[in-house]
């Protein structure tokens, strides 16, 4: 599973949680560049992503993420371990 394929799979999750049907995601997309991506939306995104990939994120892992690309890399790492 590659970073780009994970980002593609994340698009519908982000569109749904943020209620933005036209949202485009790139590796460098971050909360500061997306309207409506606040702390509550972030929690909802994390929960939806954990369900989708059947993984759990530690708080420290989440705090280290700077953008969608970092999230995709973390998902790739966790999925490859399971």
N, C-alpha and C. Protein backbone atom coordinates (compact mmCIF):
# COMPACT_ATOMS: atom_id res chain seq x y z
N UNK A 1 0.85 -1.18 0.00
CA UNK A 1 0.00 0.00 0.00
C UNK A 1 0.90 1.24 0.00
N UNK A 2 0.74 2.09 -0.98
CA UNK A 2 1.61 3.25 -1.10
C UNK A 2 0.98 4.49 -0.47
N UNK A 3 1.84 5.46 -0.23
CA UNK A 3 1.38 6.74 0.35
C UNK A 3 0.28 7.36 -0.51
N UNK A 4 0.48 7.37 -1.84
CA UNK A 4 -0.50 8.00 -2.72
C UNK A 4 -1.83 7.26 -2.73
N UNK A 5 -1.79 5.93 -2.68
CA UNK A 5 -3.06 5.19 -2.66
C UNK A 5 -3.79 5.40 -1.34
N UNK A 6 -3.04 5.55 -0.25
CA UNK A 6 -3.67 5.83 1.04
C UNK A 6 -4.32 7.22 1.00
N UNK A 7 -3.61 8.21 0.46
CA UNK A 7 -4.18 9.56 0.36
C UNK A 7 -5.46 9.52 -0.46
N UNK A 8 -5.47 8.75 -1.56
CA UNK A 8 -6.69 8.62 -2.37
C UNK A 8 -7.82 8.01 -1.55
N UNK A 9 -7.50 7.03 -0.72
CA UNK A 9 -8.53 6.39 0.12
C UNK A 9 -9.01 7.32 1.23
N UNK A 10 -8.17 8.27 1.63
CA UNK A 10 -8.56 9.21 2.69
C UNK A 10 -9.51 10.29 2.19
N UNK A 11 -9.50 10.56 0.89
CA UNK A 11 -10.32 11.65 0.34
C UNK A 11 -11.80 11.52 0.74
N UNK A 12 -12.46 10.36 0.53
CA UNK A 12 -13.88 10.29 0.91
C UNK A 12 -14.10 10.47 2.41
N UNK A 13 -13.16 10.03 3.23
CA UNK A 13 -13.29 10.19 4.68
C UNK A 13 -13.24 11.68 5.03
N UNK A 14 -12.26 12.39 4.49
CA UNK A 14 -12.13 13.82 4.76
C UNK A 14 -13.32 14.59 4.22
N UNK A 15 -13.79 14.23 3.02
CA UNK A 15 -14.95 14.91 2.43
C UNK A 15 -16.18 14.74 3.31
N UNK A 16 -16.36 13.52 3.82
CA UNK A 16 -17.52 13.22 4.66
C UNK A 16 -17.43 13.96 6.00
N UNK A 17 -16.32 13.81 6.70
CA UNK A 17 -16.18 14.40 8.03
C UNK A 17 -16.21 15.92 7.97
N UNK A 18 -15.55 16.50 6.97
CA UNK A 18 -15.50 17.96 6.87
C UNK A 18 -16.66 18.53 6.08
N UNK A 19 -17.52 17.66 5.55
CA UNK A 19 -18.69 18.07 4.76
C UNK A 19 -18.28 18.99 3.61
N UNK A 20 -17.26 18.53 2.89
CA UNK A 20 -16.76 19.27 1.73
C UNK A 20 -16.62 18.30 0.55
N UNK A 21 -17.70 18.13 -0.23
CA UNK A 21 -17.71 17.12 -1.29
C UNK A 21 -16.66 17.33 -2.38
N UNK A 22 -16.13 18.54 -2.51
CA UNK A 22 -15.15 18.81 -3.57
C UNK A 22 -13.72 18.88 -3.05
N UNK A 23 -13.52 18.55 -1.79
CA UNK A 23 -12.19 18.67 -1.19
C UNK A 23 -11.17 17.79 -1.91
N UNK A 24 -10.04 18.37 -2.25
CA UNK A 24 -8.93 17.63 -2.83
C UNK A 24 -7.82 17.53 -1.78
N UNK A 25 -7.24 16.36 -1.64
CA UNK A 25 -6.15 16.17 -0.67
C UNK A 25 -4.83 15.96 -1.40
N UNK A 26 -3.80 16.56 -0.86
CA UNK A 26 -2.43 16.33 -1.32
C UNK A 26 -1.62 15.99 -0.08
N UNK A 27 -0.42 15.52 -0.28
CA UNK A 27 0.44 15.18 0.84
C UNK A 27 0.68 16.35 1.77
N UNK A 28 0.74 17.56 1.19
CA UNK A 28 1.04 18.74 2.00
C UNK A 28 -0.19 19.41 2.60
N UNK A 29 -1.39 18.88 2.32
CA UNK A 29 -2.62 19.43 2.89
C UNK A 29 -2.57 19.32 4.42
N UNK A 30 -2.91 20.42 5.10
CA UNK A 30 -2.91 20.41 6.56
C UNK A 30 -4.16 21.13 7.07
N UNK A 31 -4.36 21.05 8.38
CA UNK A 31 -5.54 21.66 8.99
C UNK A 31 -5.61 23.15 8.68
N UNK A 32 -4.47 23.82 8.64
CA UNK A 32 -4.48 25.27 8.42
C UNK A 32 -4.88 25.63 6.99
N UNK A 33 -4.83 24.65 6.07
CA UNK A 33 -5.16 24.95 4.68
C UNK A 33 -6.57 24.50 4.29
N UNK A 34 -7.34 23.97 5.25
CA UNK A 34 -8.69 23.46 4.95
C UNK A 34 -9.70 24.11 5.89
N UNK A 35 -10.67 24.80 5.32
CA UNK A 35 -11.73 25.40 6.12
C UNK A 35 -12.50 24.32 6.86
N UNK A 36 -12.81 24.56 8.11
CA UNK A 36 -13.62 23.62 8.87
C UNK A 36 -12.84 22.51 9.54
N UNK A 37 -11.53 22.44 9.29
CA UNK A 37 -10.71 21.40 9.93
C UNK A 37 -10.22 21.95 11.26
N UNK A 38 -11.11 21.85 12.26
CA UNK A 38 -10.78 22.35 13.60
C UNK A 38 -10.49 21.16 14.50
N UNK A 39 -10.35 21.40 15.79
CA UNK A 39 -9.96 20.31 16.70
C UNK A 39 -11.02 19.21 16.77
N UNK A 40 -12.30 19.57 16.74
CA UNK A 40 -13.35 18.57 16.77
C UNK A 40 -13.33 17.73 15.48
N UNK A 41 -13.20 18.41 14.36
CA UNK A 41 -13.13 17.69 13.08
C UNK A 41 -11.91 16.77 13.07
N UNK A 42 -10.82 17.21 13.68
CA UNK A 42 -9.60 16.40 13.72
C UNK A 42 -9.85 15.09 14.48
N UNK A 43 -10.52 15.20 15.62
CA UNK A 43 -10.85 14.00 16.40
C UNK A 43 -11.74 13.07 15.57
N UNK A 44 -12.74 13.63 14.90
CA UNK A 44 -13.63 12.82 14.07
C UNK A 44 -12.89 12.16 12.91
N UNK A 45 -11.93 12.88 12.32
CA UNK A 45 -11.11 12.31 11.25
C UNK A 45 -10.29 11.13 11.77
N UNK A 46 -9.66 11.33 12.92
CA UNK A 46 -8.82 10.27 13.49
C UNK A 46 -9.67 9.02 13.77
N UNK A 47 -10.84 9.21 14.37
CA UNK A 47 -11.72 8.07 14.68
C UNK A 47 -12.12 7.35 13.38
N UNK A 48 -12.50 8.11 12.37
CA UNK A 48 -12.93 7.51 11.09
C UNK A 48 -11.77 6.76 10.43
N UNK A 49 -10.57 7.33 10.50
CA UNK A 49 -9.40 6.69 9.89
C UNK A 49 -9.03 5.42 10.66
N UNK A 50 -9.10 5.48 11.99
CA UNK A 50 -8.81 4.29 12.79
C UNK A 50 -9.78 3.15 12.45
N UNK A 51 -11.06 3.49 12.28
CA UNK A 51 -12.05 2.47 11.92
C UNK A 51 -11.77 1.90 10.54
N UNK A 52 -11.50 2.78 9.59
CA UNK A 52 -11.29 2.35 8.19
C UNK A 52 -10.11 1.40 8.07
N UNK A 53 -9.02 1.70 8.77
CA UNK A 53 -7.80 0.90 8.63
C UNK A 53 -7.60 -0.09 9.78
N UNK A 54 -8.53 -0.09 10.73
CA UNK A 54 -8.43 -0.98 11.90
C UNK A 54 -7.08 -0.84 12.60
N UNK A 55 -6.74 0.42 12.88
CA UNK A 55 -5.51 0.73 13.61
C UNK A 55 -5.85 1.67 14.76
N UNK A 56 -4.90 1.82 15.67
CA UNK A 56 -5.04 2.79 16.77
C UNK A 56 -3.81 3.68 16.75
N UNK A 57 -4.05 4.96 16.93
CA UNK A 57 -2.95 5.92 16.97
C UNK A 57 -2.70 6.33 18.41
N UNK A 58 -1.43 6.43 18.78
CA UNK A 58 -1.06 6.98 20.08
C UNK A 58 -1.06 8.50 19.98
N UNK A 59 -1.34 9.16 21.08
CA UNK A 59 -1.39 10.62 21.09
C UNK A 59 -0.08 11.22 20.55
N UNK A 60 1.03 10.66 20.97
CA UNK A 60 2.33 11.16 20.51
C UNK A 60 2.51 11.07 19.01
N UNK A 61 1.98 9.99 18.42
CA UNK A 61 2.05 9.82 16.96
C UNK A 61 1.24 10.93 16.27
N UNK A 62 0.07 11.20 16.80
CA UNK A 62 -0.80 12.20 16.18
C UNK A 62 -0.21 13.60 16.31
N UNK A 63 0.41 13.88 17.46
CA UNK A 63 0.98 15.21 17.66
C UNK A 63 2.14 15.48 16.71
N UNK A 64 2.80 14.43 16.25
CA UNK A 64 3.94 14.58 15.36
C UNK A 64 3.53 14.84 13.91
N UNK A 65 2.26 14.60 13.59
CA UNK A 65 1.81 14.76 12.20
C UNK A 65 1.68 16.22 11.83
N UNK A 66 2.21 16.55 10.65
CA UNK A 66 2.13 17.94 10.18
C UNK A 66 1.14 18.11 9.02
N UNK A 67 0.84 17.00 8.31
CA UNK A 67 -0.03 17.11 7.14
C UNK A 67 -0.59 15.73 6.76
N UNK A 68 -1.36 15.70 5.70
CA UNK A 68 -2.00 14.46 5.26
C UNK A 68 -0.95 13.42 4.83
N UNK A 69 0.13 13.87 4.24
CA UNK A 69 1.20 12.96 3.84
C UNK A 69 1.79 12.23 5.04
N UNK A 70 2.01 12.96 6.13
CA UNK A 70 2.52 12.33 7.36
C UNK A 70 1.53 11.29 7.88
N UNK A 71 0.24 11.61 7.80
CA UNK A 71 -0.80 10.66 8.23
C UNK A 71 -0.77 9.41 7.36
N UNK A 72 -0.63 9.59 6.04
CA UNK A 72 -0.57 8.45 5.12
C UNK A 72 0.64 7.58 5.43
N UNK A 73 1.78 8.22 5.72
CA UNK A 73 2.99 7.45 6.06
C UNK A 73 2.78 6.64 7.33
N UNK A 74 2.13 7.25 8.32
CA UNK A 74 1.87 6.56 9.59
C UNK A 74 0.91 5.39 9.37
N UNK A 75 -0.14 5.59 8.58
CA UNK A 75 -1.08 4.51 8.27
C UNK A 75 -0.34 3.37 7.57
N UNK A 76 0.50 3.72 6.61
CA UNK A 76 1.25 2.70 5.86
C UNK A 76 2.10 1.86 6.81
N UNK A 77 2.76 2.52 7.77
CA UNK A 77 3.59 1.83 8.75
C UNK A 77 2.75 0.88 9.61
N UNK A 78 1.61 1.40 10.09
CA UNK A 78 0.77 0.61 11.00
C UNK A 78 0.12 -0.57 10.25
N UNK A 79 -0.34 -0.35 9.04
CA UNK A 79 -1.01 -1.40 8.28
C UNK A 79 -0.02 -2.51 7.91
N UNK A 80 1.21 -2.13 7.61
CA UNK A 80 2.20 -3.13 7.22
C UNK A 80 2.62 -4.00 8.42
N UNK A 81 2.45 -3.49 9.64
CA UNK A 81 2.78 -4.26 10.84
C UNK A 81 1.72 -5.31 11.17
N UNK A 82 0.46 -4.99 10.80
CA UNK A 82 -0.62 -5.90 11.22
C UNK A 82 -0.80 -7.07 10.28
